[in-house]
Amino acid sequence: MIIGYNRQTRPARDERGSIFLETTIAVVLATILFVALYGGINYGLLTIRLARENLRATEILTDKMEVIRLCTWDQVNTSNFIPSTFTVPFKIGGSTNNTKELVYNGTIRILSIPPGGPSAYSNDMRLVSLKLNWGTGKINRQRQLYSYISRYGLQNYMYK
C-alpha cells in the first residue's frame, strides 16, 4: 500500500518564517508595553511621595506659625525664646537619629517691618519668616511661609 503525500498537512516554507516574525513582533510589543506600564507605576508612586512630602512640609510650617502666634508679644521679642532653627522628622512622632529617614530642617526669623511696609505699626508689628528645607533623592526642596504678628493679636484674646 502506497500512502500518498499530502502537501496540505505540512506548512509551506514561507509560513514557517512568518510565524517566527509574528512571534518576535509580539514579544517586542509586549516588552514595550511592560516598560511603559512600569514607567507609569513608577511615576505615580513618585508623584504620591512628592505630594506627601509637600503636605508634611505644610503641616510643619502651619504648626510652627500657630505656636508663634500664640506667644505673647514679650516672648516674641525676647531673643532665643523662639529657637531660630529646628529639625522635624517626616514621620510624626519619629526620631531624627535615623540617617536614612527624611528630615526637614527649618529656620525661624522674626524681623521688624520691612521698608515699604506700614511704618505706623513698626513698633507693634513683626514679620515672621519660616523656611523649610529637605531633600528628595538628590533634589533639594524648599518651602517658605511669611506672616505678620502684632502686639494686640491673637494671644491677647486667648489668655484673657
N, C-alpha and C. Protein backbone atom coordinates (compact mmCIF):
# COMPACT_ATOMS: atom_id res chain seq x y z
N MET A 1 0.83 -1.15 0.00
CA MET A 1 0.00 0.00 0.00
C MET A 1 0.89 1.24 0.00
N ILE A 2 0.52 2.15 -0.87
CA ILE A 2 1.28 3.38 -1.01
C ILE A 2 0.43 4.52 -0.44
N ILE A 3 1.04 5.21 0.50
CA ILE A 3 0.35 6.35 1.09
C ILE A 3 0.80 7.59 0.34
N GLY A 4 -0.19 8.30 -0.09
CA GLY A 4 0.12 9.50 -0.86
C GLY A 4 0.60 10.65 0.05
N TYR A 5 1.43 11.41 -0.53
CA TYR A 5 1.97 12.57 0.19
C TYR A 5 0.97 13.71 0.10
N ASN A 6 0.53 14.17 1.26
CA ASN A 6 -0.44 15.26 1.32
C ASN A 6 0.31 16.55 1.61
N ARG A 7 0.32 17.42 0.70
CA ARG A 7 1.04 18.68 0.84
C ARG A 7 0.37 19.64 1.80
N GLN A 8 -0.87 19.52 2.06
CA GLN A 8 -1.58 20.48 2.89
C GLN A 8 -1.29 20.29 4.38
N THR A 9 -0.85 19.15 4.83
CA THR A 9 -0.57 18.94 6.24
C THR A 9 0.72 19.59 6.69
N ARG A 10 1.59 19.82 5.77
CA ARG A 10 2.87 20.41 6.10
C ARG A 10 2.86 21.89 5.73
N PRO A 11 3.23 22.81 6.69
CA PRO A 11 3.22 24.22 6.33
C PRO A 11 4.29 24.53 5.29
N ALA A 12 3.98 25.49 4.51
CA ALA A 12 4.93 25.91 3.50
C ALA A 12 6.10 26.63 4.16
N ARG A 13 7.18 26.70 3.41
CA ARG A 13 8.39 27.30 3.95
C ARG A 13 8.16 28.79 4.29
N ASP A 14 7.41 29.52 3.54
CA ASP A 14 7.12 30.93 3.80
C ASP A 14 6.31 31.11 5.07
N GLU A 15 5.40 30.20 5.35
CA GLU A 15 4.56 30.32 6.54
C GLU A 15 5.37 30.12 7.82
N ARG A 16 6.36 29.21 7.78
CA ARG A 16 7.19 28.99 8.95
C ARG A 16 7.98 30.25 9.30
N GLY A 17 8.47 30.95 8.36
CA GLY A 17 9.20 32.19 8.59
C GLY A 17 8.31 33.28 9.13
N SER A 18 7.09 33.33 8.67
CA SER A 18 6.19 34.37 9.15
C SER A 18 5.75 34.11 10.58
N ILE A 19 5.69 32.87 10.99
CA ILE A 19 5.35 32.56 12.39
C ILE A 19 6.45 33.10 13.32
N PHE A 20 7.70 32.90 12.94
CA PHE A 20 8.81 33.42 13.73
C PHE A 20 8.77 34.95 13.78
N LEU A 21 8.50 35.58 12.66
CA LEU A 21 8.43 37.03 12.60
C LEU A 21 7.27 37.56 13.45
N GLU A 22 6.13 36.93 13.40
CA GLU A 22 4.99 37.35 14.22
C GLU A 22 5.28 37.19 15.71
N THR A 23 5.93 36.11 16.07
CA THR A 23 6.28 35.87 17.48
C THR A 23 7.27 36.93 17.96
N THR A 24 8.24 37.25 17.15
CA THR A 24 9.24 38.26 17.52
C THR A 24 8.57 39.63 17.71
N ILE A 25 7.69 40.00 16.80
CA ILE A 25 6.98 41.28 16.92
C ILE A 25 6.10 41.30 18.17
N ALA A 26 5.45 40.17 18.47
CA ALA A 26 4.61 40.10 19.67
C ALA A 26 5.45 40.26 20.93
N VAL A 27 6.63 39.65 20.97
CA VAL A 27 7.50 39.77 22.15
C VAL A 27 8.00 41.20 22.29
N VAL A 28 8.37 41.85 21.19
CA VAL A 28 8.83 43.24 21.24
C VAL A 28 7.71 44.15 21.73
N LEU A 29 6.50 43.98 21.22
CA LEU A 29 5.37 44.80 21.66
C LEU A 29 5.05 44.56 23.14
N ALA A 30 5.10 43.31 23.57
CA ALA A 30 4.84 43.02 24.99
C ALA A 30 5.90 43.67 25.87
N THR A 31 7.16 43.68 25.43
CA THR A 31 8.24 44.32 26.19
C THR A 31 8.01 45.83 26.27
N ILE A 32 7.64 46.44 25.17
CA ILE A 32 7.37 47.88 25.17
C ILE A 32 6.21 48.22 26.10
N LEU A 33 5.16 47.43 26.07
CA LEU A 33 4.02 47.66 26.96
C LEU A 33 4.40 47.47 28.43
N PHE A 34 5.24 46.47 28.71
CA PHE A 34 5.67 46.23 30.09
C PHE A 34 6.50 47.40 30.60
N VAL A 35 7.42 47.89 29.75
CA VAL A 35 8.26 49.03 30.15
C VAL A 35 7.40 50.27 30.37
N ALA A 36 6.42 50.49 29.51
CA ALA A 36 5.53 51.65 29.68
C ALA A 36 4.71 51.53 30.96
N LEU A 37 4.22 50.33 31.25
CA LEU A 37 3.46 50.11 32.48
C LEU A 37 4.33 50.34 33.71
N TYR A 38 5.56 49.83 33.67
CA TYR A 38 6.49 50.02 34.78
C TYR A 38 6.79 51.51 34.99
N GLY A 39 7.02 52.23 33.89
CA GLY A 39 7.29 53.67 33.98
C GLY A 39 6.10 54.43 34.54
N GLY A 40 4.90 54.06 34.13
CA GLY A 40 3.69 54.72 34.64
C GLY A 40 3.49 54.49 36.13
N ILE A 41 3.70 53.27 36.57
CA ILE A 41 3.56 52.96 38.00
C ILE A 41 4.64 53.69 38.80
N ASN A 42 5.86 53.70 38.30
CA ASN A 42 6.95 54.39 38.98
C ASN A 42 6.68 55.89 39.09
N TYR A 43 6.20 56.50 38.01
CA TYR A 43 5.86 57.92 38.02
C TYR A 43 4.72 58.21 39.01
N GLY A 44 3.73 57.35 39.06
CA GLY A 44 2.62 57.52 40.00
C GLY A 44 3.09 57.46 41.45
N LEU A 45 3.97 56.51 41.75
CA LEU A 45 4.49 56.40 43.12
C LEU A 45 5.35 57.61 43.49
N LEU A 46 6.14 58.12 42.55
CA LEU A 46 6.94 59.30 42.81
C LEU A 46 6.05 60.52 43.06
N THR A 47 4.98 60.64 42.29
CA THR A 47 4.05 61.75 42.48
C THR A 47 3.40 61.69 43.85
N ILE A 48 3.03 60.51 44.29
CA ILE A 48 2.44 60.35 45.63
C ILE A 48 3.46 60.71 46.70
N ARG A 49 4.71 60.29 46.52
CA ARG A 49 5.75 60.61 47.50
C ARG A 49 5.95 62.12 47.62
N LEU A 50 6.03 62.81 46.46
CA LEU A 50 6.22 64.26 46.49
C LEU A 50 5.03 64.96 47.13
N ALA A 51 3.82 64.47 46.87
CA ALA A 51 2.63 65.07 47.48
C ALA A 51 2.65 64.90 48.99
N ARG A 52 3.07 63.74 49.46
CA ARG A 52 3.16 63.50 50.91
C ARG A 52 4.20 64.41 51.55
N GLU A 53 5.34 64.56 50.90
CA GLU A 53 6.39 65.43 51.44
C GLU A 53 5.92 66.89 51.48
N ASN A 54 5.25 67.34 50.43
CA ASN A 54 4.74 68.71 50.42
C ASN A 54 3.68 68.92 51.49
N LEU A 55 2.80 67.95 51.67
CA LEU A 55 1.77 68.07 52.70
C LEU A 55 2.39 68.12 54.08
N ARG A 56 3.37 67.27 54.34
CA ARG A 56 4.04 67.28 55.64
C ARG A 56 4.76 68.60 55.87
N ALA A 57 5.37 69.17 54.83
CA ALA A 57 6.04 70.47 54.96
C ALA A 57 5.03 71.55 55.31
N THR A 58 3.87 71.52 54.68
CA THR A 58 2.82 72.49 55.00
C THR A 58 2.35 72.33 56.44
N GLU A 59 2.20 71.09 56.90
CA GLU A 59 1.80 70.86 58.29
C GLU A 59 2.82 71.42 59.26
N ILE A 60 4.09 71.22 58.99
CA ILE A 60 5.15 71.70 59.88
C ILE A 60 5.15 73.23 59.94
N LEU A 61 5.07 73.87 58.78
CA LEU A 61 5.07 75.33 58.75
C LEU A 61 3.85 75.91 59.46
N THR A 62 2.70 75.30 59.25
CA THR A 62 1.48 75.78 59.91
C THR A 62 1.59 75.60 61.42
N ASP A 63 2.12 74.46 61.86
CA ASP A 63 2.27 74.20 63.29
C ASP A 63 3.20 75.22 63.93
N LYS A 64 4.34 75.46 63.31
CA LYS A 64 5.29 76.43 63.88
C LYS A 64 4.70 77.84 63.91
N MET A 65 3.98 78.21 62.86
CA MET A 65 3.38 79.55 62.82
C MET A 65 2.30 79.71 63.89
N GLU A 66 1.50 78.69 64.09
CA GLU A 66 0.45 78.77 65.12
C GLU A 66 1.05 78.86 66.52
N VAL A 67 2.16 78.19 66.77
CA VAL A 67 2.82 78.30 68.07
C VAL A 67 3.34 79.72 68.27
N ILE A 68 3.92 80.30 67.24
CA ILE A 68 4.43 81.68 67.35
C ILE A 68 3.29 82.66 67.56
N ARG A 69 2.18 82.45 66.89
CA ARG A 69 1.04 83.36 67.04
C ARG A 69 0.44 83.32 68.43
N LEU A 70 0.62 82.23 69.14
CA LEU A 70 0.09 82.13 70.50
C LEU A 70 1.06 82.64 71.56
N CYS A 71 2.26 83.00 71.17
CA CYS A 71 3.22 83.57 72.11
C CYS A 71 2.83 85.02 72.40
N THR A 72 3.17 85.46 73.59
CA THR A 72 2.91 86.86 73.93
C THR A 72 3.90 87.76 73.20
N TRP A 73 3.61 89.04 73.18
CA TRP A 73 4.47 89.99 72.49
C TRP A 73 5.87 90.03 73.09
N ASP A 74 5.94 89.96 74.41
CA ASP A 74 7.26 89.96 75.07
C ASP A 74 8.04 88.69 74.74
N GLN A 75 7.36 87.56 74.65
CA GLN A 75 8.04 86.31 74.29
C GLN A 75 8.57 86.37 72.86
N VAL A 76 7.79 86.94 71.97
CA VAL A 76 8.22 87.05 70.57
C VAL A 76 9.45 87.93 70.45
N ASN A 77 9.51 89.00 71.23
CA ASN A 77 10.63 89.93 71.14
C ASN A 77 11.81 89.54 72.02
N THR A 78 11.68 88.53 72.84
CA THR A 78 12.80 88.05 73.66
C THR A 78 13.70 87.19 72.78
N SER A 79 14.98 87.54 72.77
CA SER A 79 15.89 86.76 71.93
C SER A 79 16.05 85.34 72.50
N ASN A 80 16.12 84.38 71.64
CA ASN A 80 16.30 82.95 71.94
C ASN A 80 15.10 82.31 72.63
N PHE A 81 14.00 83.02 72.80
CA PHE A 81 12.80 82.35 73.33
C PHE A 81 12.23 81.42 72.26
N ILE A 82 12.15 81.91 71.05
CA ILE A 82 11.74 81.09 69.91
C ILE A 82 13.02 80.66 69.21
N PRO A 83 13.29 79.36 69.14
CA PRO A 83 14.55 78.91 68.53
C PRO A 83 14.62 79.31 67.05
N SER A 84 15.81 79.67 66.61
CA SER A 84 15.96 80.12 65.23
C SER A 84 16.06 78.96 64.24
N THR A 85 16.41 77.78 64.69
CA THR A 85 16.46 76.61 63.81
C THR A 85 15.72 75.45 64.47
N PHE A 86 15.23 74.54 63.65
CA PHE A 86 14.56 73.35 64.16
C PHE A 86 14.70 72.21 63.15
N THR A 87 14.52 71.01 63.64
CA THR A 87 14.57 69.80 62.81
C THR A 87 13.37 68.95 63.15
N VAL A 88 12.66 68.49 62.12
CA VAL A 88 11.45 67.69 62.31
C VAL A 88 11.53 66.49 61.38
N PRO A 89 11.26 65.26 61.90
CA PRO A 89 11.27 64.09 61.01
C PRO A 89 10.01 64.03 60.15
N PHE A 90 10.09 63.26 59.08
CA PHE A 90 8.93 63.09 58.19
C PHE A 90 7.80 62.39 58.92
N LYS A 91 8.13 61.35 59.67
CA LYS A 91 7.11 60.61 60.41
C LYS A 91 6.77 61.35 61.68
N ILE A 92 5.48 61.52 61.93
CA ILE A 92 5.04 62.20 63.15
C ILE A 92 5.39 61.33 64.34
N GLY A 93 6.06 61.90 65.32
CA GLY A 93 6.47 61.15 66.50
C GLY A 93 7.75 60.37 66.29
N GLY A 94 8.36 60.47 65.11
CA GLY A 94 9.60 59.75 64.82
C GLY A 94 10.79 60.49 65.39
N SER A 95 11.92 59.81 65.43
CA SER A 95 13.14 60.43 65.92
C SER A 95 13.97 60.89 64.72
N THR A 96 14.88 61.80 64.96
CA THR A 96 15.76 62.30 63.90
C THR A 96 17.12 61.61 63.95
N ASN A 97 17.24 60.49 64.66
CA ASN A 97 18.52 59.79 64.78
C ASN A 97 18.81 58.94 63.55
N ASN A 98 17.80 58.46 62.86
CA ASN A 98 17.98 57.61 61.70
C ASN A 98 18.45 58.46 60.52
N THR A 99 19.63 58.14 59.97
CA THR A 99 20.19 58.97 58.90
C THR A 99 19.49 58.73 57.57
N LYS A 100 18.79 57.62 57.39
CA LYS A 100 18.11 57.33 56.13
C LYS A 100 16.71 57.94 56.09
N GLU A 101 16.22 58.39 57.22
CA GLU A 101 14.87 58.95 57.29
C GLU A 101 14.85 60.38 56.77
N LEU A 102 13.77 60.75 56.11
CA LEU A 102 13.61 62.10 55.61
C LEU A 102 13.45 63.07 56.78
N VAL A 103 14.24 64.14 56.77
CA VAL A 103 14.24 65.12 57.85
C VAL A 103 14.07 66.51 57.25
N TYR A 104 13.22 67.30 57.88
CA TYR A 104 13.00 68.69 57.48
C TYR A 104 13.82 69.59 58.39
N ASN A 105 14.60 70.49 57.80
CA ASN A 105 15.39 71.46 58.55
C ASN A 105 14.78 72.84 58.31
N GLY A 106 14.50 73.54 59.41
CA GLY A 106 13.83 74.83 59.27
C GLY A 106 14.52 75.94 60.01
N THR A 107 14.20 77.16 59.58
CA THR A 107 14.69 78.36 60.25
C THR A 107 13.52 79.30 60.51
N ILE A 108 13.59 80.00 61.63
CA ILE A 108 12.58 80.99 62.00
C ILE A 108 13.29 82.32 62.19
N ARG A 109 12.78 83.34 61.51
CA ARG A 109 13.32 84.68 61.67
C ARG A 109 12.18 85.62 61.99
N ILE A 110 12.36 86.42 63.02
CA ILE A 110 11.37 87.43 63.38
C ILE A 110 12.01 88.79 63.10
N LEU A 111 11.42 89.49 62.14
CA LEU A 111 12.00 90.74 61.65
C LEU A 111 11.08 91.91 61.94
N SER A 112 11.67 93.10 62.01
CA SER A 112 10.81 94.28 62.08
C SER A 112 10.19 94.50 60.71
N ILE A 113 9.27 95.43 60.64
CA ILE A 113 8.55 95.67 59.39
C ILE A 113 9.56 96.08 58.31
N PRO A 114 9.52 95.42 57.15
CA PRO A 114 10.47 95.76 56.09
C PRO A 114 10.17 97.12 55.48
N PRO A 115 11.14 97.72 54.81
CA PRO A 115 10.90 99.01 54.14
C PRO A 115 9.75 98.88 53.15
N GLY A 116 8.92 99.88 53.12
CA GLY A 116 7.76 99.84 52.25
C GLY A 116 6.53 99.28 52.95
N GLY A 117 6.71 98.75 54.16
CA GLY A 117 5.60 98.23 54.93
C GLY A 117 4.91 99.34 55.69
N PRO A 118 3.90 99.00 56.48
CA PRO A 118 3.17 100.03 57.23
C PRO A 118 4.02 100.58 58.36
N SER A 119 4.66 101.73 58.16
CA SER A 119 5.60 102.28 59.14
C SER A 119 4.90 102.75 60.41
N ALA A 120 3.61 103.04 60.35
CA ALA A 120 2.89 103.47 61.54
C ALA A 120 2.82 102.35 62.57
N TYR A 121 2.97 101.13 62.13
CA TYR A 121 2.87 99.98 63.03
C TYR A 121 4.23 99.35 63.32
N SER A 122 5.30 100.04 63.04
CA SER A 122 6.63 99.43 63.16
C SER A 122 6.96 98.98 64.57
N ASN A 123 6.41 99.63 65.59
CA ASN A 123 6.67 99.21 66.97
C ASN A 123 5.70 98.12 67.44
N ASP A 124 4.63 97.91 66.69
CA ASP A 124 3.60 96.96 67.12
C ASP A 124 3.44 95.76 66.19
N MET A 125 4.28 95.63 65.19
CA MET A 125 4.18 94.50 64.26
C MET A 125 5.55 93.91 63.98
N ARG A 126 5.55 92.61 63.71
CA ARG A 126 6.76 91.90 63.31
C ARG A 126 6.42 91.00 62.13
N LEU A 127 7.42 90.78 61.29
CA LEU A 127 7.28 89.86 60.18
C LEU A 127 7.95 88.55 60.57
N VAL A 128 7.21 87.45 60.50
CA VAL A 128 7.75 86.14 60.83
C VAL A 128 8.03 85.42 59.51
N SER A 129 9.26 84.96 59.37
CA SER A 129 9.68 84.24 58.17
C SER A 129 10.06 82.81 58.57
N LEU A 130 9.36 81.84 58.01
CA LEU A 130 9.66 80.43 58.24
C LEU A 130 10.15 79.82 56.93
N LYS A 131 11.28 79.14 56.98
CA LYS A 131 11.81 78.44 55.81
C LYS A 131 12.07 76.99 56.18
N LEU A 132 11.72 76.11 55.26
CA LEU A 132 11.87 74.68 55.49
C LEU A 132 12.62 74.08 54.31
N ASN A 133 13.64 73.29 54.60
CA ASN A 133 14.44 72.62 53.56
C ASN A 133 14.42 71.12 53.81
N TRP A 134 14.39 70.36 52.72
CA TRP A 134 14.50 68.91 52.81
C TRP A 134 14.97 68.39 51.46
N GLY A 135 15.39 67.16 51.43
CA GLY A 135 15.89 66.57 50.19
C GLY A 135 15.04 65.40 49.75
N THR A 136 14.74 65.36 48.45
CA THR A 136 14.07 64.22 47.85
C THR A 136 15.07 63.61 46.87
N GLY A 137 15.68 62.52 47.27
CA GLY A 137 16.75 61.96 46.45
C GLY A 137 17.92 62.93 46.43
N LYS A 138 18.30 63.35 45.23
CA LYS A 138 19.39 64.32 45.10
C LYS A 138 18.89 65.74 44.88
N ILE A 139 17.59 65.93 44.98
CA ILE A 139 16.99 67.25 44.75
C ILE A 139 16.72 67.92 46.09
N ASN A 140 17.24 69.14 46.27
CA ASN A 140 16.96 69.91 47.48
C ASN A 140 15.67 70.69 47.26
N ARG A 141 14.78 70.59 48.22
CA ARG A 141 13.49 71.26 48.10
C ARG A 141 13.34 72.26 49.24
N GLN A 142 12.50 73.28 49.01
CA GLN A 142 12.34 74.35 49.99
C GLN A 142 10.91 74.87 49.94
N ARG A 143 10.43 75.24 51.10
CA ARG A 143 9.12 75.88 51.20
C ARG A 143 9.25 77.01 52.21
N GLN A 144 8.52 78.14 51.98
CA GLN A 144 8.60 79.30 52.85
C GLN A 144 7.20 79.76 53.23
N LEU A 145 7.12 80.40 54.40
CA LEU A 145 5.87 80.97 54.86
C LEU A 145 6.19 82.28 55.56
N TYR A 146 5.47 83.32 55.20
CA TYR A 146 5.63 84.64 55.83
C TYR A 146 4.30 85.06 56.41
N SER A 147 4.35 85.72 57.58
CA SER A 147 3.13 86.24 58.19
C SER A 147 3.50 87.38 59.13
N TYR A 148 2.55 88.26 59.32
CA TYR A 148 2.72 89.35 60.29
C TYR A 148 2.08 88.94 61.61
N ILE A 149 2.70 89.36 62.69
CA ILE A 149 2.09 89.23 64.02
C ILE A 149 2.08 90.62 64.64
N SER A 150 1.13 90.85 65.53
CA SER A 150 1.03 92.19 66.12
C SER A 150 0.99 92.09 67.64
N ARG A 151 1.27 93.22 68.26
CA ARG A 151 1.26 93.31 69.72
C ARG A 151 -0.12 92.98 70.27
N TYR A 152 -1.15 93.38 69.57
CA TYR A 152 -2.52 93.19 70.07
C TYR A 152 -3.22 92.08 69.28
N GLY A 153 -2.50 91.02 68.98
CA GLY A 153 -3.02 89.96 68.13
C GLY A 153 -3.74 88.86 68.88
N LEU A 154 -3.68 87.68 68.35
CA LEU A 154 -4.43 86.52 68.80
C LEU A 154 -4.14 86.15 70.26
N GLN A 155 -2.90 86.28 70.68
CA GLN A 155 -2.54 85.83 72.03
C GLN A 155 -3.30 86.61 73.11
N ASN A 156 -3.67 87.85 72.87
CA ASN A 156 -4.42 88.61 73.87
C ASN A 156 -5.86 88.09 74.00
N TYR A 157 -6.42 87.57 72.97
CA TYR A 157 -7.77 87.02 73.04
C TYR A 157 -7.77 85.65 73.72
N MET A 158 -6.71 84.90 73.53
CA MET A 158 -6.65 83.55 74.08
C MET A 158 -6.43 83.53 75.58
N TYR A 159 -5.69 84.49 76.12
CA TYR A 159 -5.30 84.44 77.52
C TYR A 159 -6.17 85.28 78.42
N LYS A 160 -7.13 86.01 77.91
CA LYS A 160 -7.96 86.85 78.77
C LYS A 160 -9.10 86.08 79.34
